[in-house]
Amino acid sequence: MVNLGQEFFATLTRKASPPVPAPVARQIIEDLATWRVYEPGRMDLFAAIDASIERGISFWDAMILVAARRSGARVVWSEDFGDGQEYGGVVVRNPFSRLQDS
């Protein structure tokens, strides 16, 4: 949760257009922190390494996708992948795609 929260905060406050004020971004992340959190284990580590090799994506992105799949998530929200891409049953959606299209 910590790594994703850090990245999400930076994205909201620096990449979003217009940027989200830091206190608002904090509240959003505080709300997200109440969600169930999946803690990857060693088999997830190996699956992420394999996925990064097979898919040509960063290890960190692969770990997010592996954890999402193993926790039962069907969608991952990220600006780091192409909107609508599917990875092993997990679809990636870009939360900013509609903002960028307008």
Protein backbone atom coordinates (compact mmCIF):
# COMPACT_ATOMS: atom_id res chain seq x y z
CA MET A 1 0.00 0.00 0.00
CA VAL A 2 2.81 2.39 0.85
CA ASN A 3 4.52 2.27 -2.56
CA LEU A 4 1.25 2.58 -4.45
CA GLY A 5 0.10 5.38 -2.16
CA GLN A 6 3.33 7.26 -2.79
CA GLU A 7 3.05 6.91 -6.53
CA PHE A 8 -0.64 7.80 -6.53
CA PHE A 9 -0.01 10.91 -4.42
CA ALA A 10 2.74 12.06 -6.77
CA THR A 11 0.51 11.43 -9.78
CA LEU A 12 -2.45 13.30 -8.32
CA THR A 13 -0.44 16.29 -7.20
CA ARG A 14 1.98 16.57 -10.14
CA LYS A 15 0.69 14.77 -13.23
CA ALA A 16 -3.05 15.32 -13.07
CA SER A 17 -4.30 18.32 -14.99
CA PRO A 18 -5.20 20.32 -13.05
CA PRO A 19 -3.15 18.98 -10.14
CA VAL A 20 -5.11 17.83 -7.11
CA PRO A 21 -4.34 19.90 -4.00
CA ALA A 22 -2.16 17.92 -1.56
CA PRO A 23 -4.75 17.92 1.28
CA VAL A 24 -7.38 16.50 -1.09
CA ALA A 25 -4.95 13.89 -2.40
CA ARG A 26 -4.14 12.94 1.19
CA GLN A 27 -7.83 12.41 1.95
CA ILE A 28 -8.27 10.24 -1.13
CA ILE A 29 -5.31 8.08 -0.11
CA GLU A 30 -6.54 7.94 3.48
CA ASP A 31 -9.85 6.58 2.17
CA LEU A 32 -8.02 4.05 -0.02
CA ALA A 33 -5.96 2.92 2.97
CA THR A 34 -9.09 1.39 4.49
CA TRP A 35 -9.34 -1.10 1.62
CA ARG A 36 -8.21 -4.71 1.95
CA VAL A 37 -4.50 -4.99 1.16
CA TYR A 38 -2.87 -8.00 -0.50
CA GLU A 39 0.63 -8.82 0.75
CA PRO A 40 2.69 -10.56 -1.93
CA GLY A 41 4.67 -13.64 -0.96
CA ARG A 42 7.75 -15.28 -2.41
CA MET A 43 5.82 -17.11 -5.16
CA ASP A 44 4.46 -13.72 -6.24
CA LEU A 45 8.05 -12.51 -6.47
CA PHE A 46 8.92 -15.30 -8.91
CA ALA A 47 5.71 -14.79 -10.88
CA ALA A 48 6.49 -11.07 -11.20
CA ILE A 49 10.02 -11.79 -12.39
CA ASP A 50 8.64 -14.19 -15.00
CA ALA A 51 5.95 -11.73 -16.09
CA SER A 52 8.48 -8.91 -16.45
CA ILE A 53 10.61 -11.12 -18.70
CA GLU A 54 7.70 -12.51 -20.73
CA ARG A 55 5.84 -9.22 -21.16
CA GLY A 56 8.80 -6.85 -21.36
CA ILE A 57 7.49 -4.69 -18.52
CA SER A 58 9.22 -3.44 -15.39
CA PHE A 59 9.45 -5.76 -12.43
CA TRP A 60 7.44 -3.29 -10.31
CA ASP A 61 4.60 -3.13 -12.82
CA ALA A 62 4.63 -6.92 -13.09
CA MET A 63 4.40 -7.23 -9.29
CA ILE A 64 1.36 -4.96 -9.25
CA LEU A 65 -0.32 -7.06 -11.92
CA VAL A 66 0.53 -10.36 -10.20
CA ALA A 67 -0.76 -9.10 -6.86
CA ALA A 68 -3.92 -7.81 -8.51
CA ARG A 69 -4.60 -11.14 -10.19
CA ARG A 70 -3.85 -13.19 -7.07
CA SER A 71 -6.09 -11.00 -4.92
CA GLY A 72 -8.99 -11.42 -7.34
CA ALA A 73 -8.92 -7.94 -8.87
CA ARG A 74 -10.17 -7.68 -12.43
CA VAL A 75 -9.08 -4.07 -13.06
CA VAL A 76 -5.91 -2.13 -12.25
CA TRP A 77 -6.01 1.65 -12.54
CA SER A 78 -2.67 2.98 -13.82
CA GLU A 79 -1.36 5.60 -16.21
CA ASP A 80 1.72 3.44 -16.86
CA PHE A 81 0.05 0.99 -19.27
CA GLY A 82 -2.04 1.35 -22.39
CA ASP A 83 -5.69 1.84 -21.49
CA GLY A 84 -7.56 -1.42 -21.94
CA GLN A 85 -4.54 -3.74 -22.05
CA GLU A 86 -5.15 -7.18 -20.53
CA TYR A 87 -2.56 -9.09 -18.50
CA GLY A 88 -3.51 -12.57 -17.37
CA GLY A 89 -7.14 -11.72 -16.74
CA VAL A 90 -6.47 -8.25 -15.30
CA VAL A 91 -7.49 -5.27 -17.44
CA VAL A 92 -5.57 -2.03 -17.02
CA ARG A 93 -7.56 1.20 -17.15
CA ASN A 94 -5.97 4.64 -17.28
CA PRO A 95 -7.80 6.94 -14.85
CA PHE A 96 -6.65 9.95 -16.87
CA SER A 97 -7.51 8.72 -20.39
CA ARG A 98 -10.76 10.67 -20.62
CA LEU A 99 -9.02 13.79 -19.31
CA GLN A 100 -6.29 13.41 -21.93
CA ASP A 101 -8.81 12.84 -24.75
CA SER A 102 -10.70 16.07 -24.06
